[in-house]
Structure formats: C-alpha cells, structure tokens
C-alpha cells in the first residue's frame, strides 16, 4: 500500500438523523448527517407516509375505478363462438 494517499478512517464516526437518533459507525468522515434512519424509515416502522402534493394517488384511484366500471372486451374466439351459437339457435327455430 502506498503511504499518505488513503483518507483517515474514524472508528467512532457519529451519525445523526433528522429525527434525533444518533449512533456510531466507522467512516472516513468524522460526523455524518442523514434524513432517514432505521428508527424513522417507513419500511422499518411500518408507518407509511404519503406526501402527495400533485394528487397522484387520487388520480390513479379515479382512473382505476373508471377502468373497472367499463366491461371487458371479448376476444375473437368468444365472439365467433357466440355467433355460431346464435346461428344454430336460429336454425333450430326454423
């Protein structure tokens, strides 16, 4: 290893989260500031927060509701089978 080219490693680097949680770890930085940690991250806490300023969630739900209200289109095979049934029913009546 070359000397004097590697950064200084701190075994007791302090990590401070925006929620107030603090812990120590190893890093080349003496102190680290983070926005999320294991105490406040939604994945670990189970509390999911939606910050939806553009109404994206509501717009998606509205589109999904409209799509669910529209009947599904039938495929060609189903349509052809229905036509054959209708023709045979007309032929039986005659």
PDB file of N, CA and C in Angstrom:
ATOM      1  N   UNK A   1       0.840  -1.189   0.000  1.00  0.00           N
ATOM      2  CA  UNK A   1       0.000   0.000   0.000  1.00  0.00           C
ATOM      3  C   UNK A   1       0.877   1.242   0.000  1.00  0.00           C
ATOM      4  N   UNK A   2       0.440   2.218  -0.758  1.00  0.00           N
ATOM      5  CA  UNK A   2       1.181   3.475  -0.766  1.00  0.00           C
ATOM      6  C   UNK A   2       0.831   4.256   0.493  1.00  0.00           C
ATOM      7  N   UNK A   3       1.776   4.963   0.993  1.00  0.00           N
ATOM      8  CA  UNK A   3       1.548   5.753   2.196  1.00  0.00           C
ATOM      9  C   UNK A   3       1.083   7.152   1.819  1.00  0.00           C
ATOM     10  N   UNK A   4       0.295   7.737   2.697  1.00  0.00           N
ATOM     11  CA  UNK A   4      -0.181   9.119   2.617  1.00  0.00           C
ATOM     12  C   UNK A   4      -1.129   9.406   1.448  1.00  0.00           C
ATOM     13  N   UNK A   5      -1.762   8.382   0.871  1.00  0.00           N
ATOM     14  CA  UNK A   5      -2.773   8.653  -0.157  1.00  0.00           C
ATOM     15  C   UNK A   5      -4.168   8.229   0.296  1.00  0.00           C
ATOM     16  N   UNK A   6      -4.253   7.474   1.375  1.00  0.00           N
ATOM     17  CA  UNK A   6      -5.538   6.997   1.855  1.00  0.00           C
ATOM     18  C   UNK A   6      -6.113   7.970   2.877  1.00  0.00           C
ATOM     19  N   UNK A   7      -7.447   8.161   2.864  1.00  0.00           N
ATOM     20  CA  UNK A   7      -8.043   9.062   3.854  1.00  0.00           C
ATOM     21  C   UNK A   7      -7.971   8.455   5.252  1.00  0.00           C
ATOM     22  N   UNK A   8      -8.085   9.310   6.229  1.00  0.00           N
ATOM     23  CA  UNK A   8      -8.045   8.855   7.626  1.00  0.00           C
ATOM     24  C   UNK A   8      -9.379   8.179   7.965  1.00  0.00           C
ATOM     25  N   UNK A   9      -9.317   7.002   8.546  1.00  0.00           N
ATOM     26  CA  UNK A   9     -10.517   6.231   8.892  1.00  0.00           C
ATOM     27  C   UNK A   9     -10.822   6.434  10.369  1.00  0.00           C
ATOM     28  N   UNK A  10     -12.085   6.784  10.677  1.00  0.00           N
ATOM     29  CA  UNK A  10     -12.521   7.005  12.056  1.00  0.00           C
ATOM     30  C   UNK A  10     -13.416   5.834  12.473  1.00  0.00           C
ATOM     31  N   UNK A  11     -13.026   5.145  13.511  1.00  0.00           N
ATOM     32  CA  UNK A  11     -13.836   4.032  14.015  1.00  0.00           C
ATOM     33  C   UNK A  11     -15.053   4.518  14.794  1.00  0.00           C
ATOM     34  N   UNK A  12     -15.033   5.745  15.240  1.00  0.00           N
ATOM     35  CA  UNK A  12     -16.115   6.275  16.070  1.00  0.00           C
ATOM     36  C   UNK A  12     -16.813   7.452  15.389  1.00  0.00           C
ATOM     37  N   UNK A  13     -17.123   7.339  14.112  1.00  0.00           N
ATOM     38  CA  UNK A  13     -17.835   8.398  13.395  1.00  0.00           C
ATOM     39  C   UNK A  13     -19.276   8.445  13.891  1.00  0.00           C
ATOM     40  N   UNK A  14     -19.756   9.633  14.195  1.00  0.00           N
ATOM     41  CA  UNK A  14     -21.108   9.786  14.729  1.00  0.00           C
ATOM     42  C   UNK A  14     -22.082  10.096  13.598  1.00  0.00           C
ATOM     43  N   UNK A  15     -23.170   9.337  13.547  1.00  0.00           N
ATOM     44  CA  UNK A  15     -24.227   9.537  12.562  1.00  0.00           C
ATOM     45  C   UNK A  15     -25.412  10.163  13.287  1.00  0.00           C
ATOM     46  N   UNK A  16     -25.914  11.294  12.787  1.00  0.00           N
ATOM     47  CA  UNK A  16     -27.048  11.982  13.404  1.00  0.00           C
ATOM     48  C   UNK A  16     -28.166  12.054  12.378  1.00  0.00           C
ATOM     49  N   UNK A  17     -29.346  11.586  12.776  1.00  0.00           N
ATOM     50  CA  UNK A  17     -30.517  11.598  11.901  1.00  0.00           C
ATOM     51  C   UNK A  17     -31.365  12.837  12.183  1.00  0.00           C
ATOM     52  N   UNK A  18     -32.200  13.196  11.224  1.00  0.00           N
ATOM     53  CA  UNK A  18     -33.092  14.342  11.393  1.00  0.00           C
ATOM     54  C   UNK A  18     -34.116  14.091  12.494  1.00  0.00           C
ATOM     55  N   UNK A  19     -34.426  12.815  12.780  1.00  0.00           N
ATOM     56  CA  UNK A  19     -35.404  12.503  13.819  1.00  0.00           C
ATOM     57  C   UNK A  19     -34.808  12.609  15.216  1.00  0.00           C
ATOM     58  N   UNK A  20     -33.482  12.755  15.311  1.00  0.00           N
ATOM     59  CA  UNK A  20     -32.839  12.886  16.613  1.00  0.00           C
ATOM     60  C   UNK A  20     -32.064  11.640  17.018  1.00  0.00           C
ATOM     61  N   UNK A  21     -32.185  10.564  16.284  1.00  0.00           N
ATOM     62  CA  UNK A  21     -31.465   9.336  16.589  1.00  0.00           C
ATOM     63  C   UNK A  21     -29.980   9.519  16.276  1.00  0.00           C
ATOM     64  N   UNK A  22     -29.111   9.014  17.154  1.00  0.00           N
ATOM     65  CA  UNK A  22     -27.672   9.093  16.947  1.00  0.00           C
ATOM     66  C   UNK A  22     -27.060   7.721  17.201  1.00  0.00           C
ATOM     67  N   UNK A  23     -26.058   7.373  16.379  1.00  0.00           N
ATOM     68  CA  UNK A  23     -25.312   6.139  16.592  1.00  0.00           C
ATOM     69  C   UNK A  23     -23.922   6.307  16.003  1.00  0.00           C
ATOM     70  N   UNK A  24     -23.015   5.395  16.338  1.00  0.00           N
ATOM     71  CA  UNK A  24     -21.650   5.480  15.850  1.00  0.00           C
ATOM     72  C   UNK A  24     -21.355   4.336  14.897  1.00  0.00           C
ATOM     73  N   UNK A  25     -20.480   4.615  13.958  1.00  0.00           N
ATOM     74  CA  UNK A  25     -20.057   3.630  12.972  1.00  0.00           C
ATOM     75  C   UNK A  25     -18.671   4.003  12.484  1.00  0.00           C
ATOM     76  N   UNK A  26     -18.116   3.221  11.594  1.00  0.00           N
ATOM     77  CA  UNK A  26     -16.821   3.533  11.027  1.00  0.00           C
ATOM     78  C   UNK A  26     -16.976   4.238   9.696  1.00  0.00           C
ATOM     79  N   UNK A  27     -16.172   5.283   9.476  1.00  0.00           N
ATOM     80  CA  UNK A  27     -16.262   6.043   8.238  1.00  0.00           C
ATOM     81  C   UNK A  27     -15.018   6.903   8.071  1.00  0.00           C
ATOM     82  N   UNK A  28     -14.823   7.414   6.859  1.00  0.00           N
ATOM     83  CA  UNK A  28     -13.734   8.356   6.630  1.00  0.00           C
ATOM     84  C   UNK A  28     -14.152   9.759   7.050  1.00  0.00           C
ATOM     85  N   UNK A  29     -15.447   9.978   7.260  1.00  0.00           N
ATOM     86  CA  UNK A  29     -15.943  11.256   7.762  1.00  0.00           C
ATOM     87  C   UNK A  29     -16.081  11.181   9.276  1.00  0.00           C
ATOM     88  N   UNK A  30     -15.817  12.278   9.949  1.00  0.00           N
ATOM     89  CA  UNK A  30     -15.912  12.297  11.413  1.00  0.00           C
ATOM     90  C   UNK A  30     -17.371  12.317  11.878  1.00  0.00           C
ATOM     91  N   UNK A  31     -18.227  13.055  11.158  1.00  0.00           N
ATOM     92  CA  UNK A  31     -19.653  13.086  11.505  1.00  0.00           C
ATOM     93  C   UNK A  31     -20.472  13.055  10.216  1.00  0.00           C
ATOM     94  N   UNK A  32     -21.614  12.370  10.289  1.00  0.00           N
ATOM     95  CA  UNK A  32     -22.489  12.197   9.134  1.00  0.00           C
ATOM     96  C   UNK A  32     -23.891  12.629   9.529  1.00  0.00           C
ATOM     97  N   UNK A  33     -24.554  13.388   8.686  1.00  0.00           N
ATOM     98  CA  UNK A  33     -25.949  13.796   8.911  1.00  0.00           C
ATOM     99  C   UNK A  33     -26.819  13.118   7.858  1.00  0.00           C
ATOM    100  N   UNK A  34     -27.889  12.453   8.298  1.00  0.00           N
ATOM    101  CA  UNK A  34     -28.790  11.758   7.384  1.00  0.00           C
ATOM    102  C   UNK A  34     -30.227  12.201   7.648  1.00  0.00           C
ATOM    103  N   UNK A  35     -31.104  11.991   6.648  1.00  0.00           N
ATOM    104  CA  UNK A  35     -32.513  12.361   6.793  1.00  0.00           C
ATOM    105  C   UNK A  35     -33.348  11.224   7.352  1.00  0.00           C
ATOM    106  N   UNK A  36     -32.997   9.998   7.012  1.00  0.00           N
ATOM    107  CA  UNK A  36     -33.753   8.829   7.460  1.00  0.00           C
ATOM    108  C   UNK A  36     -32.813   7.813   8.086  1.00  0.00           C
ATOM    109  N   UNK A  37     -33.309   7.132   9.106  1.00  0.00           N
ATOM    110  CA  UNK A  37     -32.539   6.064   9.738  1.00  0.00           C
ATOM    111  C   UNK A  37     -33.486   4.902  10.028  1.00  0.00           C
ATOM    112  N   UNK A  38     -33.000   3.872  10.696  1.00  0.00           N
ATOM    113  CA  UNK A  38     -33.841   2.719  10.987  1.00  0.00           C
ATOM    114  C   UNK A  38     -34.943   3.023  12.004  1.00  0.00           C
ATOM    115  N   UNK A  39     -34.842   4.106  12.725  1.00  0.00           N
ATOM    116  CA  UNK A  39     -35.875   4.471  13.711  1.00  0.00           C
ATOM    117  C   UNK A  39     -37.037   5.236  13.092  1.00  0.00           C
ATOM    118  N   UNK A  40     -36.804   5.900  11.941  1.00  0.00           N
ATOM    119  CA  UNK A  40     -37.864   6.725  11.363  1.00  0.00           C
ATOM    120  C   UNK A  40     -38.228   6.332   9.932  1.00  0.00           C
ATOM    121  N   UNK A  41     -37.525   5.384   9.326  1.00  0.00           N
ATOM    122  CA  UNK A  41     -37.825   4.990   7.944  1.00  0.00           C
ATOM    123  C   UNK A  41     -39.138   4.210   7.907  1.00  0.00           C
ATOM    124  N   UNK A  42     -40.038   4.516   6.963  1.00  0.00           N
ATOM    125  CA  UNK A  42     -41.340   3.838   6.898  1.00  0.00           C
ATOM    126  C   UNK A  42     -41.243   2.328   6.737  1.00  0.00           C
ATOM    127  N   UNK A  43     -40.229   1.820   6.077  1.00  0.00           N
ATOM    128  CA  UNK A  43     -40.089   0.377   5.896  1.00  0.00           C
ATOM    129  C   UNK A  43     -39.883  -0.326   7.236  1.00  0.00           C
ATOM    130  N   UNK A  44     -39.098   0.269   8.114  1.00  0.00           N
ATOM    131  CA  UNK A  44     -38.803  -0.347   9.399  1.00  0.00           C
ATOM    132  C   UNK A  44     -39.868  -0.062  10.452  1.00  0.00           C
ATOM    133  N   UNK A  45     -40.515   1.090  10.376  1.00  0.00           N
ATOM    134  CA  UNK A  45     -41.502   1.442  11.388  1.00  0.00           C
ATOM    135  C   UNK A  45     -42.883   0.893  11.068  1.00  0.00           C
ATOM    136  N   UNK A  46     -43.165   0.617   9.790  1.00  0.00           N
ATOM    137  CA  UNK A  46     -44.490   0.138   9.392  1.00  0.00           C
ATOM    138  C   UNK A  46     -45.491   1.257   9.213  1.00  0.00           C
ATOM    139  N   UNK A  47     -45.085   2.483   9.409  1.00  0.00           N
ATOM    140  CA  UNK A  47     -45.962   3.634   9.235  1.00  0.00           C
ATOM    141  C   UNK A  47     -45.593   4.315   7.932  1.00  0.00           C
ATOM    142  N   UNK A  48     -46.436   4.140   6.935  1.00  0.00           N
ATOM    143  CA  UNK A  48     -46.138   4.711   5.635  1.00  0.00           C
ATOM    144  C   UNK A  48     -46.778   6.083   5.530  1.00  0.00           C
ATOM    145  N   UNK A  49     -46.001   7.047   5.078  1.00  0.00           N
ATOM    146  CA  UNK A  49     -46.479   8.413   4.935  1.00  0.00           C
ATOM    147  C   UNK A  49     -46.461   8.770   3.459  1.00  0.00           C
ATOM    148  N   UNK A  50     -47.582   9.281   2.959  1.00  0.00           N
ATOM    149  CA  UNK A  50     -47.652   9.743   1.582  1.00  0.00           C
ATOM    150  C   UNK A  50     -47.623  11.256   1.568  1.00  0.00           C
ATOM    151  N   UNK A  51     -46.675  11.803   0.856  1.00  0.00           N
ATOM    152  CA  UNK A  51     -46.636  13.239   0.637  1.00  0.00           C
ATOM    153  C   UNK A  51     -47.015  13.415  -0.826  1.00  0.00           C
ATOM    154  N   UNK A  52     -48.287  13.686  -1.059  1.00  0.00           N
ATOM    155  CA  UNK A  52     -48.814  13.719  -2.417  1.00  0.00           C
ATOM    156  C   UNK A  52     -49.369  15.102  -2.709  1.00  0.00           C
ATOM    157  N   UNK A  53     -48.520  15.981  -3.162  1.00  0.00           N
ATOM    158  CA  UNK A  53     -48.959  17.346  -3.433  1.00  0.00           C
ATOM    159  C   UNK A  53     -49.631  17.463  -4.788  1.00  0.00           C
ATOM    160  N   UNK A  54     -49.369  16.535  -5.690  1.00  0.00           N
ATOM    161  CA  UNK A  54     -49.925  16.626  -7.048  1.00  0.00           C
ATOM    162  C   UNK A  54     -51.154  15.734  -7.227  1.00  0.00           C
ATOM    163  N   UNK A  55     -51.701  15.182  -6.159  1.00  0.00           N
ATOM    164  CA  UNK A  55     -52.887  14.314  -6.195  1.00  0.00           C
ATOM    165  C   UNK A  55     -52.668  13.075  -7.068  1.00  0.00           C
ATOM    166  N   UNK A  56     -51.472  12.559  -7.117  1.00  0.00           N
ATOM    167  CA  UNK A  56     -51.181  11.417  -7.986  1.00  0.00           C
ATOM    168  C   UNK A  56     -51.922  10.168  -7.548  1.00  0.00           C
ATOM    169  N   UNK A  57     -51.992   9.941  -6.240  1.00  0.00           N
ATOM    170  CA  UNK A  57     -52.664   8.737  -5.735  1.00  0.00           C
ATOM    171  C   UNK A  57     -54.154   8.792  -6.065  1.00  0.00           C
ATOM    172  N   UNK A  58     -54.798   9.932  -5.816  1.00  0.00           N
ATOM    173  CA  UNK A  58     -56.224  10.063  -6.101  1.00  0.00           C
ATOM    174  C   UNK A  58     -56.508   9.928  -7.592  1.00  0.00           C
ATOM    175  N   UNK A  59     -55.648  10.517  -8.425  1.00  0.00           N
ATOM    176  CA  UNK A  59     -55.839  10.409  -9.873  1.00  0.00           C
ATOM    177  C   UNK A  59     -55.750   8.955 -10.317  1.00  0.00           C
ATOM    178  N   UNK A  60     -54.791   8.220  -9.766  1.00  0.00           N
ATOM    179  CA  UNK A  60     -54.655   6.804 -10.120  1.00  0.00           C
ATOM    180  C   UNK A  60     -55.883   6.019  -9.676  1.00  0.00           C
ATOM    181  N   UNK A  61     -56.373   6.289  -8.477  1.00  0.00           N
ATOM    182  CA  UNK A  61     -57.553   5.578  -7.982  1.00  0.00           C
ATOM    183  C   UNK A  61     -58.780   5.893  -8.835  1.00  0.00           C
ATOM    184  N   UNK A  62     -58.925   7.140  -9.286  1.00  0.00           N
ATOM    185  CA  UNK A  62     -60.048   7.508 -10.153  1.00  0.00           C
ATOM    186  C   UNK A  62     -59.970   6.773 -11.494  1.00  0.00           C
ATOM    187  N   UNK A  63     -58.763   6.712 -12.078  1.00  0.00           N
ATOM    188  CA  UNK A  63     -58.591   6.001 -13.341  1.00  0.00           C
ATOM    189  C   UNK A  63     -58.888   4.516 -13.168  1.00  0.00           C
ATOM    190  N   UNK A  64     -58.450   3.937 -12.085  1.00  0.00           N
ATOM    191  CA  UNK A  64     -58.681   2.512 -11.837  1.00  0.00           C
ATOM    192  C   UNK A  64     -60.171   2.235 -11.654  1.00  0.00           C
ATOM    193  N   UNK A  65     -60.885   3.142 -10.996  1.00  0.00           N
ATOM    194  CA  UNK A  65     -62.324   2.968 -10.806  1.00  0.00           C
ATOM    195  C   UNK A  65     -63.058   3.054 -12.137  1.00  0.00           C
ATOM    196  N   UNK A  66     -62.657   3.992 -13.000  1.00  0.00           N
ATOM    197  CA  UNK A  66     -63.286   4.113 -14.318  1.00  0.00           C
ATOM    198  C   UNK A  66     -63.033   2.866 -15.152  1.00  0.00           C
ATOM    199  N   UNK A  67     -61.829   2.358 -15.089  1.00  0.00           N
ATOM    200  CA  UNK A  67     -61.480   1.179 -15.869  1.00  0.00           C
ATOM    201  C   UNK A  67     -62.225  -0.053 -15.366  1.00  0.00           C
ATOM    202  N   UNK A  68     -62.445  -0.140 -14.074  1.00  0.00           N
ATOM    203  CA  UNK A  68     -63.178  -1.271 -13.518  1.00  0.00           C
ATOM    204  C   UNK A  68     -64.655  -1.209 -13.895  1.00  0.00           C
ATOM    205  N   UNK A  69     -65.185  -0.004 -14.107  1.00  0.00           N
ATOM    206  CA  UNK A  69     -66.599   0.164 -14.447  1.00  0.00           C
ATOM    207  C   UNK A  69     -66.885  -0.219 -15.895  1.00  0.00           C
ATOM    208  N   UNK A  70     -65.902  -0.100 -16.776  1.00  0.00           N
ATOM    209  CA  UNK A  70     -66.083  -0.429 -18.191  1.00  0.00           C
ATOM    210  C   UNK A  70     -66.023  -1.946 -18.352  1.00  0.00           C
ATOM    211  N   UNK A  71     -67.011  -2.546 -19.046  1.00  0.00           N
ATOM    212  CA  UNK A  71     -66.961  -4.002 -19.220  1.00  0.00           C
ATOM    213  C   UNK A  71     -65.775  -4.397 -20.089  1.00  0.00           C
ATOM    214  N   UNK A  72     -65.223  -5.567 -19.807  1.00  0.00           N
ATOM    215  CA  UNK A  72     -64.059  -6.040 -20.550  1.00  0.00           C
ATOM    216  C   UNK A  72     -64.466  -6.447 -21.959  1.00  0.00           C
ATOM    217  N   UNK A  73     -63.591  -6.178 -22.911  1.00  0.00           N
ATOM    218  CA  UNK A  73     -63.841  -6.544 -24.303  1.00  0.00           C
ATOM    219  C   UNK A  73     -63.639  -8.045 -24.470  1.00  0.00           C
ATOM    220  N   UNK A  74     -64.443  -8.629 -25.348  1.00  0.00           N
ATOM    221  CA  UNK A  74     -64.348 -10.058 -25.588  1.00  0.00           C
ATOM    222  C   UNK A  74     -63.381 -10.306 -26.738  1.00  0.00           C
ATOM    223  N   UNK A  75     -62.710 -11.434 -26.712  1.00  0.00           N
ATOM    224  CA  UNK A  75     -61.775 -11.805 -27.763  1.00  0.00           C
ATOM    225  C   UNK A  75     -62.497 -12.334 -28.984  1.00  0.00           C
ATOM    226  N   UNK A  76     -61.749 -12.544 -30.074  1.00  0.00           N
ATOM    227  CA  UNK A  76     -62.329 -13.009 -31.329  1.00  0.00           C
ATOM    228  C   UNK A  76     -62.928 -14.398 -31.187  1.00  0.00           C
ATOM    229  N   UNK A  77     -62.265 -15.274 -30.440  1.00  0.00           N
ATOM    230  CA  UNK A  77     -62.763 -16.641 -30.286  1.00  0.00           C
ATOM    231  C   UNK A  77     -64.116 -16.657 -29.580  1.00  0.00           C
ATOM    232  N   UNK A  78     -64.260 -15.824 -28.565  1.00  0.00           N
ATOM    233  CA  UNK A  78     -65.524 -15.764 -27.820  1.00  0.00           C
ATOM    234  C   UNK A  78     -66.625 -15.206 -28.714  1.00  0.00           C
ATOM    235  N   UNK A  79     -66.296 -14.157 -29.485  1.00  0.00           N
ATOM    236  CA  UNK A  79     -67.290 -13.551 -30.378  1.00  0.00           C
ATOM    237  C   UNK A  79     -67.731 -14.553 -31.449  1.00  0.00           C
ATOM    238  N   UNK A  80     -66.774 -15.262 -32.045  1.00  0.00           N
ATOM    239  CA  UNK A  80     -67.110 -16.254 -33.070  1.00  0.00           C
ATOM    240  C   UNK A  80     -67.970 -17.373 -32.502  1.00  0.00           C
ATOM    241  N   UNK A  81     -67.661 -17.817 -31.286  1.00  0.00           N
ATOM    242  CA  UNK A  81     -68.456 -18.875 -30.656  1.00  0.00           C
ATOM    243  C   UNK A  81     -69.878 -18.394 -30.406  1.00  0.00           C
ATOM    244  N   UNK A  82     -70.031 -17.129 -29.986  1.00  0.00           N
ATOM    245  CA  UNK A  82     -71.366 -16.582 -29.747  1.00  0.00           C
ATOM    246  C   UNK A  82     -72.153 -16.476 -31.053  1.00  0.00           C
ATOM    247  N   UNK A  83     -71.472 -16.099 -32.143  1.00  0.00           N
ATOM    248  CA  UNK A  83     -72.144 -16.014 -33.440  1.00  0.00           C
ATOM    249  C   UNK A  83     -72.628 -17.388 -33.888  1.00  0.00           C
ATOM    250  N   UNK A  84     -71.781 -18.414 -33.687  1.00  0.00           N
ATOM    251  CA  UNK A  84     -72.162 -19.775 -34.079  1.00  0.00           C
ATOM    252  C   UNK A  84     -73.360 -20.253 -33.259  1.00  0.00           C
ATOM    253  N   UNK A  85     -73.365 -19.942 -31.968  1.00  0.00           N
ATOM    254  CA  UNK A  85     -74.492 -20.330 -31.113  1.00  0.00           C
ATOM    255  C   UNK A  85     -75.770 -19.638 -31.573  1.00  0.00           C
ATOM    256  N   UNK A  86     -75.652 -18.356 -31.937  1.00  0.00           N
ATOM    257  CA  UNK A  86     -76.824 -17.591 -32.386  1.00  0.00           C
ATOM    258  C   UNK A  86     -77.337 -18.177 -33.712  1.00  0.00           C
ATOM    259  N   UNK A  87     -76.457 -18.551 -34.625  1.00  0.00           N
ATOM    260  CA  UNK A  87     -76.878 -19.126 -35.906  1.00  0.00           C
ATOM    261  C   UNK A  87     -77.556 -20.475 -35.713  1.00  0.00           C
ATOM    262  N   UNK A  88     -77.001 -21.292 -34.824  1.00  0.00           N
ATOM    263  CA  UNK A  88     -77.604 -22.618 -34.595  1.00  0.00           C
ATOM    264  C   UNK A  88     -78.946 -22.470 -33.896  1.00  0.00           C
ATOM    265  N   UNK A  89     -79.080 -21.483 -33.029  1.00  0.00           N
ATOM    266  CA  UNK A  89     -80.358 -21.269 -32.353  1.00  0.00           C
ATOM    267  C   UNK A  89     -81.420 -20.825 -33.358  1.00  0.00           C
ATOM    268  N   UNK A  90     -81.040 -19.967 -34.321  1.00  0.00           N
ATOM    269  CA  UNK A  90     -81.973 -19.504 -35.357  1.00  0.00           C
ATOM    270  C   UNK A  90     -82.334 -20.675 -36.279  1.00  0.00           C
ATOM    271  N   UNK A  91     -81.365 -21.513 -36.607  1.00  0.00           N
ATOM    272  CA  UNK A  91     -81.603 -22.660 -37.478  1.00  0.00           C
ATOM    273  C   UNK A  91     -82.514 -23.677 -36.809  1.00  0.00           C
ATOM    274  N   UNK A  92     -82.409 -23.857 -35.504  1.00  0.00           N
ATOM    275  CA  UNK A  92     -83.254 -24.816 -34.782  1.00  0.00           C
ATOM    276  C   UNK A  92     -84.703 -24.331 -34.732  1.00  0.00           C
ATOM    277  N   UNK A  93     -84.883 -23.012 -34.637  1.00  0.00           N
ATOM    278  CA  UNK A  93     -86.255 -22.461 -34.577  1.00  0.00           C
ATOM    279  C   UNK A  93     -86.954 -22.616 -35.926  1.00  0.00           C
ATOM    280  N   UNK A  94     -86.224 -22.571 -36.987  1.00  0.00           N
ATOM    281  CA  UNK A  94     -86.820 -22.619 -38.326  1.00  0.00           C
ATOM    282  C   UNK A  94     -87.194 -24.006 -38.756  1.00  0.00           C
TER     283      UNK A  94
END
